[in-house]
Amino acid sequence: MSSGKLLKALEPQGDAWLRLPDFRRDIVKSVCLGKVFMTTEIRSSWNYSTSHRYQWADAFCFDLAQAKQHAEDRRTKGSRWQIKEYAACVFRGEHYAIWILEINADRSLSEFGEVTLSGMELKDISENFPPRRKNSVIQLVSLRSQVVATKGPFRSLDSDSSGGRRHLSWSSGDQVRRTPRGVTKVIENCARQVRGM
């Protein structure tokens, strides 16, 4: 996957992304399935359970090396980390791309209504998928050049520390997920429209 920093995580009420050069006028040219890496810190919780914590925008990366580095930069003695791969609908304009993914959603992306692409700008895509809660539907912006089409399945990686200054080692977790049906439906619908444009 192409490396590159996340440009902006779109807060539900935020508008900083609208100030990106040419973002307002960037028309959707294509759509594809993308992969986003989310890094969380695993902490022990009550009754032998665990909780996963993440820092809002910093937790999301577009390549695995960046996700691993995120954990390295924040690790402390005894800390444990997990990297999860998430499927995203990626809408590509001429300069930028907007990534839409669900992480804790109680509503599938396809239930937000059909997206009509003809003449639609990237900022309009964002308005089509308003999150009910801050951490349900995630919207990310990247440069178009950072987008690499992918396919499932989507896996998780768990960290293992040997202590000292050694880098974390990573092993495949037990979670392997297929592309969510809602994501597939949105992409298929939009791909049909792109072919007809």
C-alpha atoms as a PDB file:
ATOM      1  CA  MET A   1       0.000   0.000   0.000  1.00  0.00           C
ATOM      2  CA  SER A   2       1.176   3.489  -0.768  1.00  0.00           C
ATOM      3  CA  SER A   3       2.614   5.320   2.227  1.00  0.00           C
ATOM      4  CA  GLY A   4       1.643   8.828   3.166  1.00  0.00           C
ATOM      5  CA  LYS A   5       0.220  10.681   6.089  1.00  0.00           C
ATOM      6  CA  LEU A   6      -3.437  11.012   6.824  1.00  0.00           C
ATOM      7  CA  LEU A   7      -4.415  14.540   5.863  1.00  0.00           C
ATOM      8  CA  LYS A   8      -7.415  14.997   8.133  1.00  0.00           C
ATOM      9  CA  ALA A   9      -9.898  13.029  10.169  1.00  0.00           C
ATOM     10  CA  LEU A  10     -13.251  14.631   9.622  1.00  0.00           C
ATOM     11  CA  GLU A  11     -14.934  15.492  12.879  1.00  0.00           C
ATOM     12  CA  PRO A  12     -18.747  15.288  12.633  1.00  0.00           C
ATOM     13  CA  GLN A  13     -19.098  19.057  13.031  1.00  0.00           C
ATOM     14  CA  GLY A  14     -15.640  20.011  11.769  1.00  0.00           C
ATOM     15  CA  ASP A  15     -14.948  21.974   8.626  1.00  0.00           C
ATOM     16  CA  ALA A  16     -11.131  22.243   8.533  1.00  0.00           C
ATOM     17  CA  TRP A  17     -11.048  19.798   5.618  1.00  0.00           C
ATOM     18  CA  LEU A  18     -13.050  22.277   3.528  1.00  0.00           C
ATOM     19  CA  ARG A  19     -10.042  24.614   3.618  1.00  0.00           C
ATOM     20  CA  LEU A  20      -7.850  22.112   1.748  1.00  0.00           C
ATOM     21  CA  PRO A  21      -6.866  23.578  -1.649  1.00  0.00           C
ATOM     22  CA  ASP A  22      -9.375  22.539  -4.346  1.00  0.00           C
ATOM     23  CA  PHE A  23     -11.273  20.159  -2.016  1.00  0.00           C
ATOM     24  CA  ARG A  24     -14.583  21.993  -2.426  1.00  0.00           C
ATOM     25  CA  ARG A  25     -14.495  21.667  -6.210  1.00  0.00           C
ATOM     26  CA  ASP A  26     -13.097  18.114  -6.411  1.00  0.00           C
ATOM     27  CA  ILE A  27     -15.611  15.994  -8.377  1.00  0.00           C
ATOM     28  CA  VAL A  28     -15.895  12.239  -7.714  1.00  0.00           C
ATOM     29  CA  LYS A  29     -14.204  10.333 -10.555  1.00  0.00           C
ATOM     30  CA  SER A  30     -14.184   6.761  -9.253  1.00  0.00           C
ATOM     31  CA  VAL A  31     -14.845   4.550  -6.236  1.00  0.00           C
ATOM     32  CA  CYS A  32     -13.034   1.490  -4.892  1.00  0.00           C
ATOM     33  CA  LEU A  33     -12.515  -0.672  -1.824  1.00  0.00           C
ATOM     34  CA  GLY A  34      -9.673   0.565   0.391  1.00  0.00           C
ATOM     35  CA  LYS A  35      -7.972  -0.672   3.552  1.00  0.00           C
ATOM     36  CA  VAL A  36      -7.452   1.471   6.656  1.00  0.00           C
ATOM     37  CA  PHE A  37      -5.280   0.353   9.593  1.00  0.00           C
ATOM     38  CA  MET A  38      -6.514   1.274  13.076  1.00  0.00           C
ATOM     39  CA  THR A  39      -4.105   0.987  16.031  1.00  0.00           C
ATOM     40  CA  THR A  40      -5.536   0.532  19.517  1.00  0.00           C
ATOM     41  CA  GLU A  41      -3.957   0.057  22.921  1.00  0.00           C
ATOM     42  CA  ILE A  42      -5.285  -2.978  24.777  1.00  0.00           C
ATOM     43  CA  ARG A  43      -5.829  -2.428  28.487  1.00  0.00           C
ATOM     44  CA  SER A  44      -6.986  -4.799  31.184  1.00  0.00           C
ATOM     45  CA  SER A  45     -10.467  -4.028  32.344  1.00  0.00           C
ATOM     46  CA  TRP A  46     -12.921  -5.209  34.960  1.00  0.00           C
ATOM     47  CA  ASN A  47     -13.697  -8.927  35.351  1.00  0.00           C
ATOM     48  CA  TYR A  48     -10.761 -10.177  33.223  1.00  0.00           C
ATOM     49  CA  SER A  49     -11.981  -8.342  30.127  1.00  0.00           C
ATOM     50  CA  THR A  50     -10.049  -5.893  27.983  1.00  0.00           C
ATOM     51  CA  SER A  51     -10.755  -2.480  26.518  1.00  0.00           C
ATOM     52  CA  HIS A  52      -9.346  -0.991  23.332  1.00  0.00           C
ATOM     53  CA  ARG A  53      -8.389   2.690  23.355  1.00  0.00           C
ATOM     54  CA  TYR A  54      -7.393   4.847  20.456  1.00  0.00           C
ATOM     55  CA  GLN A  55      -6.481   8.456  19.819  1.00  0.00           C
ATOM     56  CA  TRP A  56      -8.968   9.852  17.342  1.00  0.00           C
ATOM     57  CA  ALA A  57      -7.202  10.824  14.094  1.00  0.00           C
ATOM     58  CA  ASP A  58      -3.750   9.471  14.977  1.00  0.00           C
ATOM     59  CA  ALA A  59      -5.036   5.912  15.262  1.00  0.00           C
ATOM     60  CA  PHE A  60      -5.802   5.616  11.533  1.00  0.00           C
ATOM     61  CA  CYS A  61      -3.138   4.946   8.898  1.00  0.00           C
ATOM     62  CA  PHE A  62      -3.118   4.041   5.243  1.00  0.00           C
ATOM     63  CA  ASP A  63      -0.297   1.512   5.469  1.00  0.00           C
ATOM     64  CA  LEU A  64       0.838  -1.166   7.904  1.00  0.00           C
ATOM     65  CA  ALA A  65       4.309   0.286   8.511  1.00  0.00           C
ATOM     66  CA  GLN A  66       2.789   3.552   9.755  1.00  0.00           C
ATOM     67  CA  ALA A  67       0.359   1.676  12.014  1.00  0.00           C
ATOM     68  CA  LYS A  68       3.233  -0.280  13.594  1.00  0.00           C
ATOM     69  CA  GLN A  69       5.226   2.914  14.065  1.00  0.00           C
ATOM     70  CA  HIS A  70       2.217   4.515  15.786  1.00  0.00           C
ATOM     71  CA  ALA A  71       2.323   1.737  18.402  1.00  0.00           C
ATOM     72  CA  GLU A  72       6.132   1.946  18.761  1.00  0.00           C
ATOM     73  CA  ASP A  73       5.980   5.688  19.405  1.00  0.00           C
ATOM     74  CA  ARG A  74       3.405   5.290  22.170  1.00  0.00           C
ATOM     75  CA  ARG A  75       4.406   2.045  23.845  1.00  0.00           C
ATOM     76  CA  THR A  76       5.239   1.942  27.520  1.00  0.00           C
ATOM     77  CA  LYS A  77       6.369  -0.893  29.750  1.00  0.00           C
ATOM     78  CA  GLY A  78       3.780  -3.663  29.653  1.00  0.00           C
ATOM     79  CA  SER A  79       1.568  -2.030  27.022  1.00  0.00           C
ATOM     80  CA  ARG A  80      -0.169  -4.203  24.429  1.00  0.00           C
ATOM     81  CA  TRP A  81      -1.380  -3.114  21.009  1.00  0.00           C
ATOM     82  CA  GLN A  82      -3.626  -4.326  18.236  1.00  0.00           C
ATOM     83  CA  ILE A  83      -3.834  -3.267  14.594  1.00  0.00           C
ATOM     84  CA  LYS A  84      -7.128  -3.916  12.844  1.00  0.00           C
ATOM     85  CA  GLU A  85      -7.686  -3.654   9.110  1.00  0.00           C
ATOM     86  CA  TYR A  86     -10.974  -2.031   8.115  1.00  0.00           C
ATOM     87  CA  ALA A  87     -12.733  -1.969   4.766  1.00  0.00           C
ATOM     88  CA  ALA A  88     -13.493   1.516   3.457  1.00  0.00           C
ATOM     89  CA  CYS A  89     -15.482   2.962   0.569  1.00  0.00           C
ATOM     90  CA  VAL A  90     -12.975   5.244  -1.140  1.00  0.00           C
ATOM     91  CA  PHE A  91     -14.330   8.020  -3.343  1.00  0.00           C
ATOM     92  CA  ARG A  92     -11.569   9.439  -5.542  1.00  0.00           C
ATOM     93  CA  GLY A  93     -11.604  12.917  -6.993  1.00  0.00           C
ATOM     94  CA  GLU A  94      -8.976  14.552  -9.159  1.00  0.00           C
ATOM     95  CA  HIS A  95      -6.770  15.646  -6.226  1.00  0.00           C
ATOM     96  CA  TYR A  96      -8.140  14.048  -3.047  1.00  0.00           C
ATOM     97  CA  ALA A  97     -10.001  10.991  -1.831  1.00  0.00           C
ATOM     98  CA  ILE A  98     -12.502  10.583   0.974  1.00  0.00           C
ATOM     99  CA  TRP A  99     -12.560   7.278   2.859  1.00  0.00           C
ATOM    100  CA  ILE A 100     -15.785   6.197   4.598  1.00  0.00           C
ATOM    101  CA  LEU A 101     -15.649   3.291   7.060  1.00  0.00           C
ATOM    102  CA  GLU A 102     -17.777   1.937   9.866  1.00  0.00           C
ATOM    103  CA  ILE A 103     -16.190   0.765  13.110  1.00  0.00           C
ATOM    104  CA  ASN A 104     -18.889   0.829  15.795  1.00  0.00           C
ATOM    105  CA  ALA A 105     -21.880   1.489  13.585  1.00  0.00           C
ATOM    106  CA  ASP A 106     -25.355   0.269  14.438  1.00  0.00           C
ATOM    107  CA  ARG A 107     -26.361   1.035  10.864  1.00  0.00           C
ATOM    108  CA  SER A 108     -24.832  -0.343   7.658  1.00  0.00           C
ATOM    109  CA  LEU A 109     -23.367   2.181   5.206  1.00  0.00           C
ATOM    110  CA  SER A 110     -25.840   1.021   2.548  1.00  0.00           C
ATOM    111  CA  GLU A 111     -28.722   2.109   4.803  1.00  0.00           C
ATOM    112  CA  PHE A 112     -27.734   5.773   4.499  1.00  0.00           C
ATOM    113  CA  GLY A 113     -29.469   5.877   1.127  1.00  0.00           C
ATOM    114  CA  GLU A 114     -28.272   5.531  -2.427  1.00  0.00           C
ATOM    115  CA  VAL A 115     -25.409   7.810  -3.441  1.00  0.00           C
ATOM    116  CA  THR A 116     -25.885   9.556  -6.793  1.00  0.00           C
ATOM    117  CA  LEU A 117     -22.457  10.383  -8.203  1.00  0.00           C
ATOM    118  CA  SER A 118     -23.229  12.490 -11.268  1.00  0.00           C
ATOM    119  CA  GLY A 119     -21.427  15.800 -10.702  1.00  0.00           C
ATOM    120  CA  MET A 120     -21.038  15.098  -6.978  1.00  0.00           C
ATOM    121  CA  GLU A 121     -18.172  16.741  -5.118  1.00  0.00           C
ATOM    122  CA  LEU A 122     -16.180  14.991  -2.396  1.00  0.00           C
ATOM    123  CA  LYS A 123     -17.621  17.306   0.273  1.00  0.00           C
ATOM    124  CA  ASP A 124     -21.118  16.078  -0.725  1.00  0.00           C
ATOM    125  CA  ILE A 125     -20.042  12.465  -0.140  1.00  0.00           C
ATOM    126  CA  SER A 126     -19.196  13.374   3.442  1.00  0.00           C
ATOM    127  CA  GLU A 127     -22.700  14.770   3.964  1.00  0.00           C
ATOM    128  CA  ASN A 128     -24.224  11.497   2.695  1.00  0.00           C
ATOM    129  CA  PHE A 129     -22.770   9.531   5.636  1.00  0.00           C
ATOM    130  CA  PRO A 130     -23.350  11.556   8.826  1.00  0.00           C
ATOM    131  CA  PRO A 131     -22.208   9.623  11.921  1.00  0.00           C
ATOM    132  CA  ARG A 132     -24.781   9.094  14.668  1.00  0.00           C
ATOM    133  CA  ARG A 133     -21.983   8.948  17.225  1.00  0.00           C
ATOM    134  CA  LYS A 134     -18.450  10.316  16.997  1.00  0.00           C
ATOM    135  CA  ASN A 135     -16.880   6.878  16.643  1.00  0.00           C
ATOM    136  CA  SER A 136     -19.380   5.094  14.397  1.00  0.00           C
ATOM    137  CA  VAL A 137     -18.838   6.240  10.818  1.00  0.00           C
ATOM    138  CA  ILE A 138     -15.296   7.488  10.266  1.00  0.00           C
ATOM    139  CA  GLN A 139     -14.459   9.873   7.423  1.00  0.00           C
ATOM    140  CA  LEU A 140     -10.841  10.366   6.384  1.00  0.00           C
ATOM    141  CA  VAL A 141      -9.237  12.468   3.669  1.00  0.00           C
ATOM    142  CA  SER A 142      -6.085  11.584   1.743  1.00  0.00           C
ATOM    143  CA  LEU A 143      -4.382  12.598  -1.450  1.00  0.00           C
ATOM    144  CA  ARG A 144      -5.710  10.653  -4.432  1.00  0.00           C
ATOM    145  CA  SER A 145      -2.193   9.281  -4.986  1.00  0.00           C
ATOM    146  CA  GLN A 146      -2.373   7.489  -1.602  1.00  0.00           C
ATOM    147  CA  VAL A 147      -5.253   5.279  -2.705  1.00  0.00           C
ATOM    148  CA  VAL A 148      -4.532   1.678  -3.653  1.00  0.00           C
ATOM    149  CA  ALA A 149      -7.529  -0.537  -4.415  1.00  0.00           C
ATOM    150  CA  THR A 150      -7.571  -3.668  -2.277  1.00  0.00           C
ATOM    151  CA  LYS A 151      -9.686  -6.689  -1.442  1.00  0.00           C
ATOM    152  CA  GLY A 152     -10.550  -8.648   1.686  1.00  0.00           C
ATOM    153  CA  PRO A 153     -10.369 -10.447   3.949  1.00  0.00           C
ATOM    154  CA  PHE A 154      -9.415  -7.991   6.676  1.00  0.00           C
ATOM    155  CA  ARG A 155      -7.348  -9.229   9.605  1.00  0.00           C
ATOM    156  CA  SER A 156      -5.971  -8.103  12.934  1.00  0.00           C
ATOM    157  CA  LEU A 157      -2.445  -8.170  14.350  1.00  0.00           C
ATOM    158  CA  ASP A 158      -1.520  -8.414  18.032  1.00  0.00           C
ATOM    159  CA  SER A 159       1.715  -7.034  19.485  1.00  0.00           C
ATOM    160  CA  ASP A 160       4.225  -8.940  21.538  1.00  0.00           C
ATOM    161  CA  SER A 161       7.022  -7.202  23.417  1.00  0.00           C
ATOM    162  CA  SER A 162      10.368  -8.819  24.194  1.00  0.00           C
ATOM    163  CA  GLY A 163      11.194  -5.925  26.496  1.00  0.00           C
ATOM    164  CA  GLY A 164      14.022  -3.470  26.389  1.00  0.00           C
ATOM    165  CA  ARG A 165      14.583  -1.430  23.257  1.00  0.00           C
ATOM    166  CA  ARG A 166      13.596  -4.157  20.833  1.00  0.00           C
ATOM    167  CA  HIS A 167      10.786  -3.357  18.447  1.00  0.00           C
ATOM    168  CA  LEU A 168       7.398  -4.928  19.029  1.00  0.00           C
ATOM    169  CA  SER A 169       6.838  -8.189  17.202  1.00  0.00           C
ATOM    170  CA  TRP A 170       3.439  -8.847  15.615  1.00  0.00           C
ATOM    171  CA  SER A 171       1.382 -11.995  15.160  1.00  0.00           C
ATOM    172  CA  SER A 172      -1.880 -12.591  13.360  1.00  0.00           C
ATOM    173  CA  GLY A 173      -4.850 -12.214  15.657  1.00  0.00           C
ATOM    174  CA  ASP A 174      -7.886 -14.463  15.627  1.00  0.00           C
ATOM    175  CA  GLN A 175     -10.100 -11.937  13.868  1.00  0.00           C
ATOM    176  CA  VAL A 176     -10.474 -12.282  10.122  1.00  0.00           C
ATOM    177  CA  ARG A 177     -13.394 -10.369   8.674  1.00  0.00           C
ATOM    178  CA  ARG A 178     -14.918 -10.223   5.240  1.00  0.00           C
ATOM    179  CA  THR A 179     -15.834  -6.959   3.575  1.00  0.00           C
ATOM    180  CA  PRO A 180     -19.042  -5.729   5.269  1.00  0.00           C
ATOM    181  CA  ARG A 181     -22.081  -6.199   3.030  1.00  0.00           C
ATOM    182  CA  GLY A 182     -23.040  -2.518   3.353  1.00  0.00           C
ATOM    183  CA  VAL A 183     -19.624  -1.406   2.084  1.00  0.00           C
ATOM    184  CA  THR A 184     -19.834  -3.827  -0.861  1.00  0.00           C
ATOM    185  CA  LYS A 185     -23.314  -2.601  -1.813  1.00  0.00           C
ATOM    186  CA  VAL A 186     -22.269   1.069  -1.794  1.00  0.00           C
ATOM    187  CA  ILE A 187     -19.196   0.327  -3.942  1.00  0.00           C
ATOM    188  CA  GLU A 188     -21.127  -1.830  -6.431  1.00  0.00           C
ATOM    189  CA  ASN A 189     -23.843   0.811  -6.819  1.00  0.00           C
ATOM    190  CA  CYS A 190     -21.305   3.600  -7.331  1.00  0.00           C
ATOM    191  CA  ALA A 191     -19.150   1.530  -9.714  1.00  0.00           C
ATOM    192  CA  ARG A 192     -22.197   1.005 -11.969  1.00  0.00           C
ATOM    193  CA  GLN A 193     -22.732   4.753 -12.051  1.00  0.00           C
ATOM    194  CA  VAL A 194     -19.064   5.458 -12.847  1.00  0.00           C
ATOM    195  CA  ARG A 195     -19.205   3.045 -15.797  1.00  0.00           C
ATOM    196  CA  GLY A 196     -22.235   4.934 -17.129  1.00  0.00           C
ATOM    197  CA  MET A 197     -20.650   8.387 -16.773  1.00  0.00           C
END
